[in-house]
Amino acid sequence: MSMDRELPAGEWYETAETVLKQYKQELLDAPLPEPLEKLLAERQKNISRKQL
């Protein structure tokens, strides 16, 4: 946790936020493993049925 000593609080927060946004985007862009894709598709079907 030495980062907070090197950067002012505001800069540290912005840096952390930027890194998290990039990481989240990479996760969202990554292809899902096949079983997960099927599971997600099945779940979407179930959700759609419940909304009708």
PDB file of N, CA and C in Angstrom:
ATOM      1  N   MET A   1       0.825  -1.211   0.000  1.00  0.00           N
ATOM      2  CA  MET A   1       0.000   0.000   0.000  1.00  0.00           C
ATOM      3  C   MET A   1       0.859   1.261   0.000  1.00  0.00           C
ATOM      4  N   SER A   2       1.996   1.208  -0.651  1.00  0.00           N
ATOM      5  CA  SER A   2       2.873   2.373  -0.668  1.00  0.00           C
ATOM      6  C   SER A   2       2.418   3.404  -1.696  1.00  0.00           C
ATOM      7  N   MET A   3       1.470   3.040  -2.534  1.00  0.00           N
ATOM      8  CA  MET A   3       1.005   3.961  -3.579  1.00  0.00           C
ATOM      9  C   MET A   3       0.482   5.275  -3.011  1.00  0.00           C
ATOM     10  N   ASP A   4      -0.247   5.199  -1.896  1.00  0.00           N
ATOM     11  CA  ASP A   4      -0.846   6.419  -1.355  1.00  0.00           C
ATOM     12  C   ASP A   4       0.206   7.417  -0.890  1.00  0.00           C
ATOM     13  N   ARG A   5       1.423   6.968  -0.658  1.00  0.00           N
ATOM     14  CA  ARG A   5       2.489   7.897  -0.271  1.00  0.00           C
ATOM     15  C   ARG A   5       3.098   8.569  -1.494  1.00  0.00           C
ATOM     16  N   GLU A   6       3.025   7.896  -2.637  1.00  0.00           N
ATOM     17  CA  GLU A   6       3.665   8.410  -3.839  1.00  0.00           C
ATOM     18  C   GLU A   6       2.783   9.396  -4.606  1.00  0.00           C
ATOM     19  N   LEU A   7       1.486   9.190  -4.564  1.00  0.00           N
ATOM     20  CA  LEU A   7       0.559  10.040  -5.307  1.00  0.00           C
ATOM     21  C   LEU A   7      -0.390  10.754  -4.355  1.00  0.00           C
ATOM     22  N   PRO A   8      -0.764  11.999  -4.688  1.00  0.00           N
ATOM     23  CA  PRO A   8      -1.817  12.658  -3.897  1.00  0.00           C
ATOM     24  C   PRO A   8      -3.105  11.842  -3.986  1.00  0.00           C
ATOM     25  N   ALA A   9      -3.942  11.968  -2.983  1.00  0.00           N
ATOM     26  CA  ALA A   9      -5.156  11.145  -2.874  1.00  0.00           C
ATOM     27  C   ALA A   9      -6.008  11.175  -4.142  1.00  0.00           C
ATOM     28  N   GLY A  10      -6.246  12.351  -4.689  1.00  0.00           N
ATOM     29  CA  GLY A  10      -7.082  12.474  -5.883  1.00  0.00           C
ATOM     30  C   GLY A  10      -6.497  11.734  -7.071  1.00  0.00           C
ATOM     31  N   GLU A  11      -5.194  11.877  -7.264  1.00  0.00           N
ATOM     32  CA  GLU A  11      -4.532  11.193  -8.377  1.00  0.00           C
ATOM     33  C   GLU A  11      -4.570   9.687  -8.185  1.00  0.00           C
ATOM     34  N   TRP A  12      -4.359   9.230  -6.957  1.00  0.00           N
ATOM     35  CA  TRP A  12      -4.383   7.792  -6.673  1.00  0.00           C
ATOM     36  C   TRP A  12      -5.751   7.231  -7.017  1.00  0.00           C
ATOM     37  N   TYR A  13      -6.799   7.964  -6.626  1.00  0.00           N
ATOM     38  CA  TYR A  13      -8.168   7.514  -6.892  1.00  0.00           C
ATOM     39  C   TYR A  13      -8.418   7.432  -8.393  1.00  0.00           C
ATOM     40  N   GLU A  14      -8.016   8.468  -9.129  1.00  0.00           N
ATOM     41  CA  GLU A  14      -8.226   8.485 -10.582  1.00  0.00           C
ATOM     42  C   GLU A  14      -7.467   7.351 -11.260  1.00  0.00           C
ATOM     43  N   THR A  15      -6.234   7.114 -10.803  1.00  0.00           N
ATOM     44  CA  THR A  15      -5.426   6.033 -11.371  1.00  0.00           C
ATOM     45  C   THR A  15      -6.097   4.693 -11.124  1.00  0.00           C
ATOM     46  N   ALA A  16      -6.548   4.464  -9.904  1.00  0.00           N
ATOM     47  CA  ALA A  16      -7.213   3.206  -9.556  1.00  0.00           C
ATOM     48  C   ALA A  16      -8.480   3.030 -10.380  1.00  0.00           C
ATOM     49  N   GLU A  17      -9.235   4.103 -10.527  1.00  0.00           N
ATOM     50  CA  GLU A  17     -10.484   4.051 -11.283  1.00  0.00           C
ATOM     51  C   GLU A  17     -10.209   3.712 -12.756  1.00  0.00           C
ATOM     52  N   THR A  18      -9.186   4.331 -13.321  1.00  0.00           N
ATOM     53  CA  THR A  18      -8.820   4.079 -14.713  1.00  0.00           C
ATOM     54  C   THR A  18      -8.412   2.628 -14.913  1.00  0.00           C
ATOM     55  N   VAL A  19      -7.584   2.117 -14.004  1.00  0.00           N
ATOM     56  CA  VAL A  19      -7.134   0.725 -14.099  1.00  0.00           C
ATOM     57  C   VAL A  19      -8.327  -0.216 -14.005  1.00  0.00           C
ATOM     58  N   LEU A  20      -9.236   0.061 -13.074  1.00  0.00           N
ATOM     59  CA  LEU A  20     -10.415  -0.792 -12.915  1.00  0.00           C
ATOM     60  C   LEU A  20     -11.299  -0.767 -14.158  1.00  0.00           C
ATOM     61  N   LYS A  21     -11.477   0.415 -14.757  1.00  0.00           N
ATOM     62  CA  LYS A  21     -12.291   0.519 -15.973  1.00  0.00           C
ATOM     63  C   LYS A  21     -11.673  -0.291 -17.106  1.00  0.00           C
ATOM     64  N   GLN A  22     -10.337  -0.183 -17.258  1.00  0.00           N
ATOM     65  CA  GLN A  22      -9.657  -0.934 -18.314  1.00  0.00           C
ATOM     66  C   GLN A  22      -9.803  -2.430 -18.077  1.00  0.00           C
ATOM     67  N   TYR A  23      -9.632  -2.848 -16.823  1.00  0.00           N
ATOM     68  CA  TYR A  23      -9.722  -4.264 -16.470  1.00  0.00           C
ATOM     69  C   TYR A  23     -11.130  -4.784 -16.736  1.00  0.00           C
ATOM     70  N   LYS A  24     -12.130  -3.990 -16.351  1.00  0.00           N
ATOM     71  CA  LYS A  24     -13.525  -4.380 -16.567  1.00  0.00           C
ATOM     72  C   LYS A  24     -13.796  -4.526 -18.062  1.00  0.00           C
ATOM     73  N   GLN A  25     -13.300  -3.584 -18.860  1.00  0.00           N
ATOM     74  CA  GLN A  25     -13.511  -3.631 -20.306  1.00  0.00           C
ATOM     75  C   GLN A  25     -12.855  -4.871 -20.898  1.00  0.00           C
ATOM     76  N   GLU A  26     -11.644  -5.203 -20.434  1.00  0.00           N
ATOM     77  CA  GLU A  26     -10.963  -6.401 -20.927  1.00  0.00           C
ATOM     78  C   GLU A  26     -11.780  -7.641 -20.599  1.00  0.00           C
ATOM     79  N   LEU A  27     -12.345  -7.677 -19.399  1.00  0.00           N
ATOM     80  CA  LEU A  27     -13.164  -8.824 -19.002  1.00  0.00           C
ATOM     81  C   LEU A  27     -14.414  -8.925 -19.864  1.00  0.00           C
ATOM     82  N   LEU A  28     -15.040  -7.786 -20.152  1.00  0.00           N
ATOM     83  CA  LEU A  28     -16.255  -7.781 -20.962  1.00  0.00           C
ATOM     84  C   LEU A  28     -15.961  -8.166 -22.410  1.00  0.00           C
ATOM     85  N   ASP A  29     -14.777  -7.792 -22.898  1.00  0.00           N
ATOM     86  CA  ASP A  29     -14.409  -8.086 -24.284  1.00  0.00           C
ATOM     87  C   ASP A  29     -13.934  -9.523 -24.472  1.00  0.00           C
ATOM     88  N   ALA A  30     -13.500 -10.160 -23.390  1.00  0.00           N
ATOM     89  CA  ALA A  30     -12.977 -11.523 -23.487  1.00  0.00           C
ATOM     90  C   ALA A  30     -14.089 -12.492 -23.879  1.00  0.00           C
ATOM     91  N   PRO A  31     -13.784 -13.436 -24.756  1.00  0.00           N
ATOM     92  CA  PRO A  31     -14.803 -14.427 -25.125  1.00  0.00           C
ATOM     93  C   PRO A  31     -15.098 -15.355 -23.949  1.00  0.00           C
ATOM     94  N   LEU A  32     -16.352 -15.734 -23.822  1.00  0.00           N
ATOM     95  CA  LEU A  32     -16.736 -16.638 -22.741  1.00  0.00           C
ATOM     96  C   LEU A  32     -16.367 -18.067 -23.106  1.00  0.00           C
ATOM     97  N   PRO A  33     -15.939 -18.855 -22.130  1.00  0.00           N
ATOM     98  CA  PRO A  33     -15.734 -20.283 -22.398  1.00  0.00           C
ATOM     99  C   PRO A  33     -17.058 -20.912 -22.842  1.00  0.00           C
ATOM    100  N   GLU A  34     -16.999 -21.894 -23.692  1.00  0.00           N
ATOM    101  CA  GLU A  34     -18.188 -22.514 -24.288  1.00  0.00           C
ATOM    102  C   GLU A  34     -19.289 -22.870 -23.281  1.00  0.00           C
ATOM    103  N   PRO A  35     -18.985 -23.613 -22.195  1.00  0.00           N
ATOM    104  CA  PRO A  35     -20.061 -23.974 -21.251  1.00  0.00           C
ATOM    105  C   PRO A  35     -20.741 -22.742 -20.644  1.00  0.00           C
ATOM    106  N   LEU A  36     -19.966 -21.705 -20.372  1.00  0.00           N
ATOM    107  CA  LEU A  36     -20.543 -20.490 -19.805  1.00  0.00           C
ATOM    108  C   LEU A  36     -21.470 -19.813 -20.801  1.00  0.00           C
ATOM    109  N   GLU A  37     -21.082 -19.830 -22.067  1.00  0.00           N
ATOM    110  CA  GLU A  37     -21.915 -19.227 -23.103  1.00  0.00           C
ATOM    111  C   GLU A  37     -23.274 -19.921 -23.163  1.00  0.00           C
ATOM    112  N   LYS A  38     -23.259 -21.249 -23.102  1.00  0.00           N
ATOM    113  CA  LYS A  38     -24.508 -22.019 -23.143  1.00  0.00           C
ATOM    114  C   LYS A  38     -25.350 -21.733 -21.909  1.00  0.00           C
ATOM    115  N   LEU A  39     -24.696 -21.676 -20.765  1.00  0.00           N
ATOM    116  CA  LEU A  39     -25.391 -21.406 -19.511  1.00  0.00           C
ATOM    117  C   LEU A  39     -26.059 -20.035 -19.557  1.00  0.00           C
ATOM    118  N   LEU A  40     -25.333 -19.045 -20.063  1.00  0.00           N
ATOM    119  CA  LEU A  40     -25.859 -17.690 -20.155  1.00  0.00           C
ATOM    120  C   LEU A  40     -27.047 -17.634 -21.115  1.00  0.00           C
ATOM    121  N   ALA A  41     -26.935 -18.322 -22.234  1.00  0.00           N
ATOM    122  CA  ALA A  41     -28.026 -18.346 -23.209  1.00  0.00           C
ATOM    123  C   ALA A  41     -29.271 -18.980 -22.590  1.00  0.00           C
ATOM    124  N   GLU A  42     -29.083 -20.063 -21.861  1.00  0.00           N
ATOM    125  CA  GLU A  42     -30.193 -20.743 -21.199  1.00  0.00           C
ATOM    126  C   GLU A  42     -30.845 -19.824 -20.172  1.00  0.00           C
ATOM    127  N   ARG A  43     -30.023 -19.117 -19.445  1.00  0.00           N
ATOM    128  CA  ARG A  43     -30.528 -18.200 -18.418  1.00  0.00           C
ATOM    129  C   ARG A  43     -31.333 -17.074 -19.054  1.00  0.00           C
ATOM    130  N   GLN A  44     -30.832 -16.549 -20.175  1.00  0.00           N
ATOM    131  CA  GLN A  44     -31.548 -15.488 -20.885  1.00  0.00           C
ATOM    132  C   GLN A  44     -32.925 -15.976 -21.321  1.00  0.00           C
ATOM    133  N   LYS A  45     -33.003 -17.221 -21.796  1.00  0.00           N
ATOM    134  CA  LYS A  45     -34.292 -17.798 -22.203  1.00  0.00           C
ATOM    135  C   LYS A  45     -35.243 -17.834 -21.017  1.00  0.00           C
ATOM    136  N   ASN A  46     -34.735 -18.292 -19.880  1.00  0.00           N
ATOM    137  CA  ASN A  46     -35.565 -18.382 -18.675  1.00  0.00           C
ATOM    138  C   ASN A  46     -36.063 -17.008 -18.243  1.00  0.00           C
ATOM    139  N   ILE A  47     -35.193 -16.018 -18.308  1.00  0.00           N
ATOM    140  CA  ILE A  47     -35.568 -14.654 -17.923  1.00  0.00           C
ATOM    141  C   ILE A  47     -36.643 -14.134 -18.876  1.00  0.00           C
ATOM    142  N   SER A  48     -36.468 -14.390 -20.180  1.00  0.00           N
ATOM    143  CA  SER A  48     -37.443 -13.941 -21.176  1.00  0.00           C
ATOM    144  C   SER A  48     -38.809 -14.567 -20.926  1.00  0.00           C
ATOM    145  N   ARG A  49     -38.824 -15.843 -20.587  1.00  0.00           N
ATOM    146  CA  ARG A  49     -40.096 -16.531 -20.316  1.00  0.00           C
ATOM    147  C   ARG A  49     -40.806 -15.923 -19.110  1.00  0.00           C
ATOM    148  N   LYS A  50     -40.040 -15.588 -18.087  1.00  0.00           N
ATOM    149  CA  LYS A  50     -40.636 -15.029 -16.867  1.00  0.00           C
ATOM    150  C   LYS A  50     -41.238 -13.650 -17.119  1.00  0.00           C
ATOM    151  N   GLN A  51     -40.681 -12.914 -18.071  1.00  0.00           N
ATOM    152  CA  GLN A  51     -41.164 -11.561 -18.346  1.00  0.00           C
ATOM    153  C   GLN A  51     -42.452 -11.563 -19.155  1.00  0.00           C
ATOM    154  N   LEU A  52     -42.755 -12.667 -19.838  1.00  0.00           N
ATOM    155  CA  LEU A  52     -43.965 -12.721 -20.676  1.00  0.00           C
ATOM    156  C   LEU A  52     -45.233 -12.792 -19.857  1.00  0.00           C
TER     157      LEU A  52
END
